[in-house]
């Protein structure tokens, strides 16, 4: 468990160190990288897919959203299944599902087939993700080595999300949208072969019946929550549908929590949230992904539509965030041995705040360009790397070993829902400010309405008009969008600053991760 600072004990674990542990870390890192990249790789493949399959507007929404919906909805259930029936078995099953779904997507000739394949990819991802952290907890018995392993996990996950558009751009440019799914097949096959050979099996000593009612409440609640958040970003705050979904989520998850509190062997030990360190760590990961998810989405839109970059060029220009995140994730574990968790977590959130606030601050003095955005992305990435790594180590360290699967599900849910909420809330704020910043354009009713709908529609209209008029329209829309996204980032900065205050106030003084499981 987490305990006040103390000299590192001679814990006698040397004899129990698994000689395969670094191979295990490499396998699990590859697993996380594949899942993280799949979260964002379709962003650059999507225009090619739409051009080929010509899905309707509703089908397009489902193609984008169904992966995250299935993943978020099943994480808690998959974590509990892994604890009960074997984490290695669950991970290998997840990869088999992931490979099958990828093959179905490659062979798809209709939009509904891609939707089904993406849903199945989410099921496979949900089976894989909680197992990775649970196996790390089981294999790494030394506290410092475990902190490093968690740091690698967090860095690979965050970096993979940022690298997805780059890899997707490279593949789609020459091989079409199917290559975004085809990439999964050899990687999944390799992970299955290596996993079967090197990963140890572990499980939690749970007894009692499998809680089918809890599964239903969890799945319905998480699907409604993720769906409500995503719908809020698409239709705005006046549409009753997202609020109905969020109400359903609140009811279902409340029933789920009440039921879990009564059971001797719950799917998720919700009492973990009574531990302040666990709760603050979860909130820190969530808010970190709110900022990171919103920035990656809005800046990618700005690069492609406002600045005219290709998807590959836009992806490459996001690399400062990935590099900053990976760098600080690697150094955070050693810093955690020297400094208290409250200071590390608070400082990481403050660095995030600086990265989010920097574009708005610079815009007060001059027109903002890529160099300023690159610096902001790098600073944001460094802050996210520190905060999420420290939070991941803290969250897992505050969890009993037999509840590792549930804790891992909570952590990954914070990643997924945080990114989705960032796009929904901050994206909606940016969209409203974009419309407010646009002057009267003198276009026809439908055309002007479309231009005011999004920067993407404005770019499409500008290309259709062409000539000097099209250039002026795109420049006007780009200026309005640039002025819109920086206040949205500032709201994200206010959230991370609040989280930093909470971390410094509520995380116990002198706390360091000195636990040794088992």
Protein backbone atom coordinates (compact mmCIF):
# COMPACT_ATOMS: atom_id res chain seq x y z
CA UNK A 1 0.00 0.00 0.00
CA UNK A 2 0.99 3.65 -0.19
CA UNK A 3 2.84 4.71 2.90
CA UNK A 4 4.70 7.76 4.25
CA UNK A 5 8.22 8.30 3.03
CA UNK A 6 10.73 5.87 4.39
CA UNK A 7 14.06 4.44 3.29
CA UNK A 8 13.63 1.73 0.72
CA UNK A 9 13.48 -1.52 2.65
CA UNK A 10 15.53 -4.56 1.88
CA UNK A 11 12.41 -6.50 1.06
CA UNK A 12 14.00 -9.76 0.11
CA UNK A 13 12.17 -9.86 -3.18
CA UNK A 14 15.30 -10.53 -5.22
CA UNK A 15 14.76 -14.27 -5.00
CA UNK A 16 11.19 -13.85 -6.26
CA UNK A 17 11.92 -11.52 -9.20
CA UNK A 18 10.56 -13.07 -12.38
CA UNK A 19 13.44 -13.32 -14.90
CA UNK A 20 10.90 -12.85 -17.72
CA UNK A 21 9.54 -9.57 -16.33
CA UNK A 22 11.21 -7.28 -18.90
CA UNK A 23 10.02 -9.49 -21.75
CA UNK A 24 6.55 -9.34 -20.20
CA UNK A 25 6.79 -5.53 -20.07
CA UNK A 26 7.76 -5.42 -23.76
CA UNK A 27 4.81 -7.63 -24.72
CA UNK A 28 2.33 -5.62 -22.69
CA UNK A 29 3.76 -2.34 -24.03
CA UNK A 30 3.17 -3.60 -27.57
CA UNK A 31 -0.38 -4.50 -26.56
CA UNK A 32 -1.07 -1.04 -25.15
CA UNK A 33 0.50 0.67 -28.17
CA UNK A 34 -1.80 -1.21 -30.55
CA UNK A 35 -4.94 -0.31 -28.59
CA UNK A 36 -3.93 3.33 -28.12
CA UNK A 37 -3.10 3.84 -31.78
CA UNK A 38 -6.37 2.25 -32.83
CA UNK A 39 -8.17 4.95 -30.83
CA UNK A 40 -6.94 7.71 -33.17
CA UNK A 41 -5.62 6.06 -36.34
CA UNK A 42 -9.03 6.10 -38.03
CA UNK A 43 -9.12 9.92 -37.82
CA UNK A 44 -6.84 10.18 -40.86
CA UNK A 45 -8.22 7.11 -42.64
CA UNK A 46 -11.82 8.29 -42.35
CA UNK A 47 -12.01 10.58 -45.43
CA UNK A 48 -10.71 7.74 -47.63
CA UNK A 49 -13.20 5.31 -46.07
CA UNK A 50 -16.10 7.73 -46.63
CA UNK A 51 -15.08 8.26 -50.25
CA UNK A 52 -14.94 4.50 -50.86
CA UNK A 53 -17.97 3.20 -48.96
CA UNK A 54 -20.09 6.39 -48.98
CA UNK A 55 -21.77 5.85 -45.59
CA UNK A 56 -24.65 8.09 -44.55
CA UNK A 57 -24.24 10.71 -41.86
CA UNK A 58 -25.61 8.44 -39.12
CA UNK A 59 -23.39 5.58 -40.27
CA UNK A 60 -20.36 7.87 -40.19
CA UNK A 61 -21.09 8.75 -36.56
CA UNK A 62 -21.36 5.08 -35.64
CA UNK A 63 -18.11 4.19 -37.44
CA UNK A 64 -16.26 6.79 -35.38
CA UNK A 65 -17.97 6.26 -32.02
CA UNK A 66 -18.78 2.56 -31.70
CA UNK A 67 -15.20 1.51 -30.86
CA UNK A 68 -14.93 3.80 -27.83
CA UNK A 69 -18.50 2.97 -26.76
CA UNK A 70 -17.86 -0.78 -26.73
CA UNK A 71 -14.46 -0.34 -25.06
CA UNK A 72 -15.76 1.95 -22.32
CA UNK A 73 -18.88 -0.11 -21.70
CA UNK A 74 -17.05 -3.39 -21.16
CA UNK A 75 -13.89 -2.40 -19.23
CA UNK A 76 -15.31 -3.09 -15.76
CA UNK A 77 -16.79 -6.43 -16.80
CA UNK A 78 -13.60 -7.46 -18.62
CA UNK A 79 -11.44 -6.55 -15.62
CA UNK A 80 -13.60 -8.68 -13.33
CA UNK A 81 -13.58 -11.59 -15.80
CA UNK A 82 -9.79 -11.46 -15.98
CA UNK A 83 -9.48 -11.48 -12.19
CA UNK A 84 -11.75 -14.50 -11.93
CA UNK A 85 -10.88 -16.64 -14.95
CA UNK A 86 -7.28 -15.64 -15.66
CA UNK A 87 -5.68 -12.44 -16.92
CA UNK A 88 -3.42 -14.10 -19.47
CA UNK A 89 -6.38 -16.03 -20.85
CA UNK A 90 -8.39 -12.82 -21.05
CA UNK A 91 -5.61 -10.93 -22.84
CA UNK A 92 -5.05 -13.67 -25.43
CA UNK A 93 -8.80 -13.95 -26.01
CA UNK A 94 -8.91 -10.19 -26.50
CA UNK A 95 -6.19 -10.35 -29.13
CA UNK A 96 -7.99 -13.14 -30.97
CA UNK A 97 -11.15 -11.00 -31.07
CA UNK A 98 -9.10 -7.95 -32.10
CA UNK A 99 -7.46 -9.81 -34.98
CA UNK A 100 -10.80 -11.22 -36.19
CA UNK A 101 -12.42 -7.79 -36.05
CA UNK A 102 -9.52 -6.22 -37.97
CA UNK A 103 -9.81 -8.87 -40.69
CA UNK A 104 -13.57 -8.25 -40.97
CA UNK A 105 -12.91 -4.50 -41.32
CA UNK A 106 -10.33 -5.07 -44.07
CA UNK A 107 -12.82 -7.23 -46.00
CA UNK A 108 -15.76 -4.88 -45.45
CA UNK A 109 -17.60 -3.59 -48.51
CA UNK A 110 -20.51 -1.90 -46.71
CA UNK A 111 -20.63 0.70 -43.96
CA UNK A 112 -22.59 -1.56 -41.58
CA UNK A 113 -19.82 -4.16 -41.83
CA UNK A 114 -17.24 -1.59 -40.71
CA UNK A 115 -19.52 -0.58 -37.82
CA UNK A 116 -19.77 -4.20 -36.68
CA UNK A 117 -16.02 -4.70 -37.00
CA UNK A 118 -15.29 -1.53 -35.02
CA UNK A 119 -17.67 -2.69 -32.26
CA UNK A 120 -15.88 -6.03 -32.13
CA UNK A 121 -12.53 -4.19 -31.96
CA UNK A 122 -13.85 -2.41 -28.86
CA UNK A 123 -14.76 -5.75 -27.29
CA UNK A 124 -11.24 -7.04 -27.95
CA UNK A 125 -9.67 -3.86 -26.60
CA UNK A 126 -11.73 -4.06 -23.43
CA UNK A 127 -10.49 -7.63 -22.86
CA UNK A 128 -6.86 -6.60 -23.40
CA UNK A 129 -6.53 -3.35 -21.49
CA UNK A 130 -7.29 -4.27 -17.83
CA UNK A 131 -5.24 -7.44 -18.18
CA UNK A 132 -2.10 -5.48 -19.07
CA UNK A 133 -1.96 -3.55 -15.79
CA UNK A 134 -3.07 -6.55 -13.73
CA UNK A 135 -0.27 -8.69 -15.17
CA UNK A 136 2.25 -5.91 -14.55
CA UNK A 137 1.11 -5.78 -10.92
CA UNK A 138 1.58 -9.54 -10.62
CA UNK A 139 4.97 -9.77 -12.34
CA UNK A 140 6.76 -6.73 -10.91
CA UNK A 141 7.09 -7.37 -7.17
CA UNK A 142 9.72 -4.68 -6.54
CA UNK A 143 8.18 -1.25 -5.87
CA UNK A 144 10.66 0.77 -7.90
CA UNK A 145 10.59 -1.59 -10.85
CA UNK A 146 6.81 -1.62 -10.73
CA UNK A 147 6.72 2.18 -10.79
CA UNK A 148 8.94 2.13 -13.88
CA UNK A 149 6.70 -0.48 -15.53
CA UNK A 150 3.60 1.64 -14.86
CA UNK A 151 5.45 4.66 -16.29
CA UNK A 152 6.22 2.76 -19.48
CA UNK A 153 2.55 1.71 -19.69
CA UNK A 154 1.31 5.30 -19.27
CA UNK A 155 3.88 6.70 -21.69
CA UNK A 156 3.12 4.12 -24.37
CA UNK A 157 -0.63 4.65 -24.03
CA UNK A 158 -0.50 8.44 -24.27
CA UNK A 159 2.21 8.42 -26.92
CA UNK A 160 0.32 5.83 -28.94
CA UNK A 161 -2.76 8.07 -29.09
CA UNK A 162 -0.61 10.89 -30.48
CA UNK A 163 1.28 8.61 -32.88
CA UNK A 164 -1.91 7.09 -34.33
CA UNK A 165 -2.50 9.92 -36.85
CA UNK A 166 1.14 9.81 -37.99
CA UNK A 167 1.13 6.06 -38.63
CA UNK A 168 -2.33 6.28 -40.17
CA UNK A 169 -1.23 9.08 -42.49
CA UNK A 170 1.79 7.09 -43.67
CA UNK A 171 -0.27 3.98 -44.37
CA UNK A 172 -3.42 5.50 -45.83
CA UNK A 173 -1.52 7.71 -48.25
CA UNK A 174 -0.22 4.71 -50.20
CA UNK A 175 -2.41 1.75 -49.22
CA UNK A 176 -5.92 3.06 -48.56
CA UNK A 177 -8.12 3.05 -45.47
CA UNK A 178 -7.98 -0.74 -45.12
CA UNK A 179 -4.32 -0.49 -44.11
CA UNK A 180 -5.35 1.16 -40.82
CA UNK A 181 -6.96 -2.17 -39.88
CA UNK A 182 -4.55 -4.46 -41.73
CA UNK A 183 -1.72 -3.25 -39.49
CA UNK A 184 -3.44 -4.89 -36.52
CA UNK A 185 -3.21 -8.42 -37.92
CA UNK A 186 0.55 -9.10 -37.77
CA UNK A 187 0.90 -7.19 -34.50
CA UNK A 188 -1.94 -9.13 -32.86
CA UNK A 189 -0.52 -12.44 -34.13
CA UNK A 190 2.91 -11.57 -32.74
CA UNK A 191 1.46 -10.51 -29.37
CA UNK A 192 -0.53 -13.76 -29.13
CA UNK A 193 2.51 -15.92 -29.92
CA UNK A 194 4.78 -14.09 -27.47
CA UNK A 195 2.05 -13.85 -24.85
CA UNK A 196 1.31 -17.57 -24.96
CA UNK A 197 5.02 -18.27 -24.51
CA UNK A 198 6.11 -15.74 -21.89
CA UNK A 199 3.14 -14.28 -19.97
CA UNK A 200 2.38 -15.89 -16.60
CA UNK A 201 -1.19 -16.69 -15.63
CA UNK A 202 -2.67 -15.00 -12.59
CA UNK A 203 -6.12 -14.55 -11.10
CA UNK A 204 -7.82 -13.19 -8.01
CA UNK A 205 -9.17 -15.66 -5.42
CA UNK A 206 -12.84 -14.71 -5.91
CA UNK A 207 -15.72 -16.91 -4.82
CA UNK A 208 -19.47 -16.78 -5.30
CA UNK A 209 -21.69 -16.51 -8.35
CA UNK A 210 -20.97 -14.34 -11.33
CA UNK A 211 -22.98 -11.13 -10.95
CA UNK A 212 -25.05 -10.95 -14.13
CA UNK A 213 -27.23 -8.13 -12.79
CA UNK A 214 -24.12 -6.11 -12.06
CA UNK A 215 -22.78 -6.78 -15.55
CA UNK A 216 -26.00 -5.46 -17.08
CA UNK A 217 -26.05 -2.36 -14.89
CA UNK A 218 -22.40 -1.65 -15.59
CA UNK A 219 -22.64 -2.11 -19.35
CA UNK A 220 -25.83 -0.07 -19.70
CA UNK A 221 -24.49 2.67 -17.43
CA UNK A 222 -21.10 2.96 -19.12
CA UNK A 223 -22.55 2.79 -22.64
CA UNK A 224 -25.07 5.50 -21.77
CA UNK A 225 -22.38 7.63 -20.12
CA UNK A 226 -19.96 7.39 -23.05
CA UNK A 227 -22.77 7.83 -25.56
CA UNK A 228 -24.19 10.84 -23.71
CA UNK A 229 -20.79 12.53 -23.55
CA UNK A 230 -20.16 11.98 -27.26
CA UNK A 231 -23.66 13.07 -28.26
CA UNK A 232 -23.28 16.21 -26.17
CA UNK A 233 -20.27 17.17 -28.25
CA UNK A 234 -22.11 16.59 -31.53
CA UNK A 235 -25.57 18.04 -30.90
CA UNK A 236 -24.86 20.62 -28.20
CA UNK A 237 -26.38 21.39 -24.84
CA UNK A 238 -29.93 22.05 -26.12
CA UNK A 239 -30.54 18.56 -27.54
CA UNK A 240 -32.50 16.39 -25.04
CA UNK A 241 -30.95 13.11 -26.27
CA UNK A 242 -27.54 13.44 -24.55
CA UNK A 243 -29.23 14.49 -21.31
CA UNK A 244 -31.55 11.47 -21.49
CA UNK A 245 -28.51 9.22 -21.97
CA UNK A 246 -26.67 10.85 -19.08
CA UNK A 247 -29.75 10.42 -16.86
CA UNK A 248 -29.91 6.73 -17.80
CA UNK A 249 -26.21 6.47 -16.99
CA UNK A 250 -26.70 8.09 -13.60
CA UNK A 251 -29.55 5.73 -12.70
CA UNK A 252 -27.80 2.58 -13.95
CA UNK A 253 -24.46 3.38 -12.33
CA UNK A 254 -26.12 4.34 -9.04
CA UNK A 255 -27.88 0.98 -8.98
CA UNK A 256 -24.59 -0.69 -9.88
CA UNK A 257 -22.71 1.00 -7.02
CA UNK A 258 -25.43 0.18 -4.48
CA UNK A 259 -25.43 -3.46 -5.58
CA UNK A 260 -21.64 -3.76 -5.48
CA UNK A 261 -21.58 -2.40 -1.92
CA UNK A 262 -23.89 -5.23 -0.81
CA UNK A 263 -22.00 -8.10 -2.44
CA UNK A 264 -19.20 -10.08 -0.82
CA UNK A 265 -17.48 -10.63 -4.19
CA UNK A 266 -18.37 -7.57 -6.30
CA UNK A 267 -17.43 -7.01 -9.92
CA UNK A 268 -15.80 -3.74 -8.86
CA UNK A 269 -14.72 -2.90 -5.34
CA UNK A 270 -16.22 0.60 -5.29
CA UNK A 271 -14.91 1.15 -1.76
CA UNK A 272 -11.56 1.78 -3.43
CA UNK A 273 -12.83 5.31 -3.97
CA UNK A 274 -12.90 5.90 -0.20
CA UNK A 275 -9.09 5.97 -0.41
CA UNK A 276 -8.23 9.63 -1.05
CA UNK A 277 -5.05 8.81 -2.96
CA UNK A 278 -6.95 6.43 -5.28
CA UNK A 279 -9.73 8.94 -5.97
CA UNK A 280 -7.41 11.91 -6.58
CA UNK A 281 -5.24 9.79 -8.87
CA UNK A 282 -8.30 8.75 -10.90
CA UNK A 283 -9.49 12.37 -11.16
CA UNK A 284 -6.01 13.50 -12.24
CA UNK A 285 -5.90 10.93 -15.05
CA UNK A 286 -9.42 11.92 -16.10
CA UNK A 287 -8.67 15.65 -16.22
CA UNK A 288 -5.34 15.02 -17.93
CA UNK A 289 -7.15 13.22 -20.73
CA UNK A 290 -9.83 15.95 -20.89
CA UNK A 291 -7.11 18.43 -21.79
CA UNK A 292 -5.10 16.09 -24.02
CA UNK A 293 -8.15 14.75 -25.88
CA UNK A 294 -9.54 18.22 -26.57
CA UNK A 295 -6.20 19.62 -27.74
CA UNK A 296 -5.44 16.69 -30.07
CA UNK A 297 -8.90 16.97 -31.63
CA UNK A 298 -9.07 20.77 -31.98
CA UNK A 299 -5.47 21.27 -33.07
CA UNK A 300 -5.78 18.49 -35.66
CA UNK A 301 -8.83 20.30 -37.08
CA UNK A 302 -6.88 23.55 -37.11
CA UNK A 303 -3.90 21.97 -38.88
CA UNK A 304 -5.96 20.31 -41.61
CA UNK A 305 -8.67 22.88 -42.28
CA UNK A 306 -7.30 26.17 -41.01
CA UNK A 307 -3.67 25.70 -42.10
CA UNK A 308 -4.24 23.38 -45.06
CA UNK A 309 -1.95 20.52 -43.98
CA UNK A 310 -2.48 16.99 -45.19
CA UNK A 311 -3.43 14.35 -42.57
CA UNK A 312 0.17 13.11 -42.50
CA UNK A 313 1.57 16.63 -42.13
CA UNK A 314 -0.94 17.32 -39.35
CA UNK A 315 0.00 14.10 -37.57
CA UNK A 316 3.71 14.91 -37.73
CA UNK A 317 3.05 18.34 -36.24
CA UNK A 318 1.41 16.69 -33.23
CA UNK A 319 4.65 14.86 -32.37
CA UNK A 320 5.86 17.43 -29.77
CA UNK A 321 3.01 16.29 -27.50
CA UNK A 322 3.90 12.61 -27.89
CA UNK A 323 7.63 13.21 -27.40
CA UNK A 324 7.08 15.38 -24.32
CA UNK A 325 4.73 12.80 -22.81
CA UNK A 326 7.06 9.85 -23.39
CA UNK A 327 10.10 11.75 -22.09
CA UNK A 328 8.57 12.78 -18.79
CA UNK A 329 6.86 9.41 -18.31
CA UNK A 330 10.29 7.78 -18.31
CA UNK A 331 11.86 10.16 -15.75
CA UNK A 332 8.83 10.39 -13.43
CA UNK A 333 9.49 7.10 -11.53
CA UNK A 334 12.98 8.18 -10.40
CA UNK A 335 11.65 11.58 -9.38
CA UNK A 336 8.92 9.88 -7.34
CA UNK A 337 11.61 8.31 -5.17
CA UNK A 338 12.94 11.77 -4.30
CA UNK A 339 9.82 13.89 -4.03
CA UNK A 340 6.44 13.42 -2.41
CA UNK A 341 3.54 12.30 -4.55
CA UNK A 342 1.55 15.44 -3.80
CA UNK A 343 4.38 17.58 -5.19
CA UNK A 344 4.92 15.42 -8.26
CA UNK A 345 1.22 15.22 -9.08
CA UNK A 346 0.66 18.91 -8.41
CA UNK A 347 3.65 19.96 -10.51
CA UNK A 348 2.57 17.74 -13.40
CA UNK A 349 -0.88 19.34 -13.37
CA UNK A 350 0.65 22.82 -13.20
CA UNK A 351 2.82 22.07 -16.25
CA UNK A 352 -0.33 20.88 -18.03
CA UNK A 353 -2.02 24.13 -17.04
CA UNK A 354 0.85 26.09 -18.58
CA UNK A 355 0.64 24.13 -21.83
CA UNK A 356 -3.11 24.68 -22.09
CA UNK A 357 -2.95 28.38 -21.21
CA UNK A 358 0.05 29.24 -23.42
CA UNK A 359 -1.80 29.60 -26.78
CA UNK A 360 -4.39 31.95 -25.27
CA UNK A 361 -1.68 33.98 -23.55
CA UNK A 362 0.44 34.34 -26.69
CA UNK A 363 -2.60 35.25 -28.75
CA UNK A 364 -3.03 38.37 -26.59
CA UNK A 365 0.18 39.75 -28.12
CA UNK A 366 0.45 38.39 -31.66
CA UNK A 367 -1.04 36.07 -34.24
CA UNK A 368 -0.43 32.49 -33.17
CA UNK A 369 1.49 30.17 -35.52
CA UNK A 370 2.86 26.66 -35.47
CA UNK A 371 6.04 27.40 -33.44
CA UNK A 372 3.92 28.64 -30.53
CA UNK A 373 1.54 25.68 -30.89
CA UNK A 374 4.48 23.26 -31.00
CA UNK A 375 5.86 24.66 -27.73
CA UNK A 376 2.40 24.46 -26.13
CA UNK A 377 1.99 20.85 -27.31
CA UNK A 378 5.40 19.90 -25.91
CA UNK A 379 4.68 21.54 -22.54
CA UNK A 380 1.24 19.92 -22.39
CA UNK A 381 2.71 16.53 -23.24
CA UNK A 382 5.34 16.86 -20.51
CA UNK A 383 2.68 17.76 -17.96
CA UNK A 384 0.44 14.88 -19.01
CA UNK A 385 3.41 12.50 -18.84
CA UNK A 386 4.24 13.50 -15.27
CA UNK A 387 0.66 13.70 -14.00
CA UNK A 388 -0.70 10.50 -15.54
CA UNK A 389 2.39 8.46 -14.69
CA UNK A 390 2.38 9.55 -11.05
CA UNK A 391 -1.39 9.07 -10.92
CA UNK A 392 -1.16 5.58 -12.47
CA UNK A 393 1.51 4.49 -9.99
CA UNK A 394 -0.46 6.00 -7.10
CA UNK A 395 -3.77 4.47 -8.17
CA UNK A 396 -2.38 0.96 -8.55
CA UNK A 397 -0.25 1.27 -5.41
CA UNK A 398 -3.34 2.19 -3.39
CA UNK A 399 -5.11 -0.98 -4.61
CA UNK A 400 -4.90 -4.42 -2.96
CA UNK A 401 -3.34 -6.98 -5.30
CA UNK A 402 -6.54 -9.02 -5.58
CA UNK A 403 -8.45 -5.94 -6.84
CA UNK A 404 -5.92 -5.09 -9.56
CA UNK A 405 -8.32 -5.84 -12.42
CA UNK A 406 -10.99 -3.50 -11.09
CA UNK A 407 -8.46 -0.72 -10.47
CA UNK A 408 -7.07 -1.16 -13.98
CA UNK A 409 -10.59 -0.89 -15.41
CA UNK A 410 -11.15 2.34 -13.45
CA UNK A 411 -7.88 3.78 -14.75
CA UNK A 412 -8.56 2.95 -18.37
CA UNK A 413 -12.13 4.23 -18.09
CA UNK A 414 -10.67 7.55 -16.91
CA UNK A 415 -8.46 7.60 -20.00
CA UNK A 416 -11.30 6.85 -22.42
CA UNK A 417 -14.04 8.99 -20.89
CA UNK A 418 -11.66 11.86 -20.14
CA UNK A 419 -10.63 12.13 -23.80
CA UNK A 420 -14.27 11.84 -24.92
CA UNK A 421 -15.43 14.51 -22.46
CA UNK A 422 -12.63 16.84 -23.55
CA UNK A 423 -13.78 16.61 -27.15
CA UNK A 424 -17.45 16.95 -26.16
CA UNK A 425 -17.28 19.86 -23.73
CA UNK A 426 -14.28 21.88 -24.90
CA UNK A 427 -15.08 21.04 -28.52
CA UNK A 428 -18.61 22.40 -28.03
CA UNK A 429 -17.23 25.58 -26.45
CA UNK A 430 -14.84 26.05 -29.37
CA UNK A 431 -17.67 25.47 -31.89
CA UNK A 432 -19.87 28.07 -30.20
CA UNK A 433 -17.03 30.62 -30.10
CA UNK A 434 -16.19 29.90 -33.73
CA UNK A 435 -19.74 30.75 -34.78
CA UNK A 436 -19.71 33.88 -32.63
CA UNK A 437 -16.40 35.06 -34.13
CA UNK A 438 -17.51 34.72 -37.75
CA UNK A 439 -18.73 37.96 -39.35
CA UNK A 440 -21.62 38.06 -41.80
CA UNK A 441 -20.30 36.28 -44.88
CA UNK A 442 -22.94 37.25 -47.44
CA UNK A 443 -23.37 33.68 -48.67
CA UNK A 444 -26.58 31.83 -49.47
CA UNK A 445 -28.67 30.55 -46.58
CA UNK A 446 -27.63 26.88 -46.72
CA UNK A 447 -24.01 27.61 -47.56
CA UNK A 448 -23.60 30.17 -44.80
CA UNK A 449 -25.26 27.85 -42.30
CA UNK A 450 -22.88 25.06 -43.29
CA UNK A 451 -19.84 27.36 -42.97
CA UNK A 452 -20.97 28.39 -39.50
CA UNK A 453 -21.43 24.74 -38.56
CA UNK A 454 -17.74 23.82 -38.46
CA UNK A 455 -14.31 24.72 -39.80
CA UNK A 456 -14.43 21.51 -41.84
CA UNK A 457 -17.61 22.60 -43.62
CA UNK A 458 -16.08 26.03 -44.16
CA UNK A 459 -13.01 24.49 -45.80
CA UNK A 460 -15.23 22.32 -48.01
CA UNK A 461 -17.29 25.36 -49.06
CA UNK A 462 -14.16 27.43 -49.72
CA UNK A 463 -12.72 24.75 -51.99
CA UNK A 464 -16.04 24.57 -53.84
CA UNK A 465 -16.13 28.35 -54.38
CA UNK A 466 -12.47 28.49 -55.40
CA UNK A 467 -10.46 31.48 -56.51
CA UNK A 468 -9.90 34.59 -54.44
CA UNK A 469 -13.37 34.39 -52.86
CA UNK A 470 -12.67 30.88 -51.63
CA UNK A 471 -9.28 31.90 -50.24
CA UNK A 472 -10.81 34.84 -48.35
CA UNK A 473 -13.58 32.63 -46.96
CA UNK A 474 -11.09 30.04 -45.70
CA UNK A 475 -8.86 32.72 -44.19
CA UNK A 476 -11.85 34.28 -42.39
CA UNK A 477 -12.98 30.92 -41.05
CA UNK A 478 -9.45 30.01 -39.99
CA UNK A 479 -9.05 33.29 -38.09
CA UNK A 480 -12.39 32.73 -36.32
CA UNK A 481 -11.47 29.14 -35.43
CA UNK A 482 -8.02 30.12 -34.14
CA UNK A 483 -9.63 32.72 -31.90
CA UNK A 484 -12.16 30.11 -30.72
CA UNK A 485 -9.91 27.23 -29.67
CA UNK A 486 -7.59 29.14 -27.34
CA UNK A 487 -10.35 30.11 -24.84
CA UNK A 488 -11.47 26.47 -24.89
CA UNK A 489 -7.92 25.46 -23.95
CA UNK A 490 -8.04 28.06 -21.17
CA UNK A 491 -11.09 26.33 -19.67
CA UNK A 492 -9.10 23.10 -19.69
CA UNK A 493 -6.29 24.96 -17.93
CA UNK A 494 -8.71 26.03 -15.20
CA UNK A 495 -9.71 22.38 -14.67
CA UNK A 496 -6.12 21.16 -14.37
CA UNK A 497 -5.22 24.05 -12.07
CA UNK A 498 -8.13 23.07 -9.80
CA UNK A 499 -6.91 19.47 -9.82
CA UNK A 500 -3.41 20.64 -8.82
CA UNK A 501 -4.86 22.48 -5.84
CA UNK A 502 -6.80 19.37 -4.83
CA UNK A 503 -3.67 17.22 -5.14
CA UNK A 504 -1.60 19.50 -2.96
CA UNK A 505 -4.42 19.84 -0.44
CA UNK A 506 -5.73 16.30 -0.14
CA UNK A 507 -2.90 13.88 -0.96
CA UNK A 508 -1.30 13.03 2.41
CA UNK A 509 2.03 14.67 3.14
CA UNK A 510 5.09 12.45 2.91
CA UNK A 511 3.33 9.91 0.68
CA UNK A 512 5.52 7.82 -1.61
CA UNK A 513 4.83 4.53 -3.45
CA UNK A 514 6.76 2.06 -1.28
CA UNK A 515 4.29 -0.82 -1.54
CA UNK A 516 5.23 -4.34 -2.47
CA UNK A 517 2.37 -6.53 -3.56
CA UNK A 518 2.12 -10.20 -2.77
